[in-house]
Amino acid sequence: MSSTPDILVTGATGSTGRATVDALAKRGVTFRPMSRSLSSADFAVQADLDDADSVRAALSGIRAAYLVTPSTERAEAQQKQFIDLAVEAGVRHIVLLSQLGSVIDSPVRFLRYHAAVEEHAFASRLEVTALRPNLFMQGLFAVSNVVKSAGVLPAPIGNARVSLVDVRDIGAMAAHALTSPVPWGIQTLTGPESLTHSDLAGHLSSATGDEIRFEDVPPAKFGEMLAGILPPWQVDGLLEDYAHYARGEAAELSSAVPDVLGRPARSFADFADQNAVCFRKE
């Protein structure tokens, strides 16, 4: 990279942050990756979202920033502080990772906090793009060991449909938003199809060559399966997410990805083919 970057990507080693970094790099765009653990990349900055001074240093000279935080009970406070510090630093455009269905009075904690952060951002002096993706296809990696060992895809979701989205499409959309001359407001990001988990199991079966079936498990059992894989607070929040999915509240389709990227959104069938080794019996 030959020029000083004016784009900051937080969470650069996380799932959507890494996807955003990859998308910017493919486009030849200079950027500054930020993480608590970065050490040697060009223009990289090590900063802790709970340390205002380190965030101020990361924001120096930045025009546009991608904001994502780890899923913790402090995520809302961290993001609101980041927005305030971005205003203070003269940042013009903030691109938020939000979530489909975000509303202040939602029974789902993640949707409540994303809505509160969106509200805070839109009330600031910043230009705002809020990306609201649906369930990540890559989220199924959390149950990949169960799929591999038992030939079962478990979830407390029944026959409800969900328009899952590939993290790589989220990153590509974030990269476009960060380089856009105007903010996009709220954008819903989905895959090209609304699928049941039985459909997902079928695609995984085709990709792996194994017989994989969907099992509609009770929420408590699903939580037990995730214990030790995800922290307890995140497991509880994910169970609320799945109750939201089971109510049929995550089935809508959006054309935002193909409209902006000029190609279809990545399908779950393609995701399954590309990641078959992660789900194939050992």
Foldseek 3Di string as FASTA:
>chain_A
DPDQAQEEQEPCVDLLNVLLVVLCVVVVHDYEYEDCDDDDDVNYAHDDLVDLVSLLVNNANHAEYEDDDPPDPCRLVSLLSSLVSNVVRVHAEYEYEAAPPQDCPAPQVRSNSSNVSLVSNVPGNHAYEYEHEYAELVVQLLCLVVCQPPLEREAQAPFFWAQHAHSSLSSNVVNCQRPDPHHDHYDYDGAPATGGVQVLSVLLCVQQVHRHGYDNDDLVVVLVSNVVVDDNVVSVSVSSSSVCRNVNNRRDDDCVSCVPVVDHGDDSSVVSNVPSVSRHHD
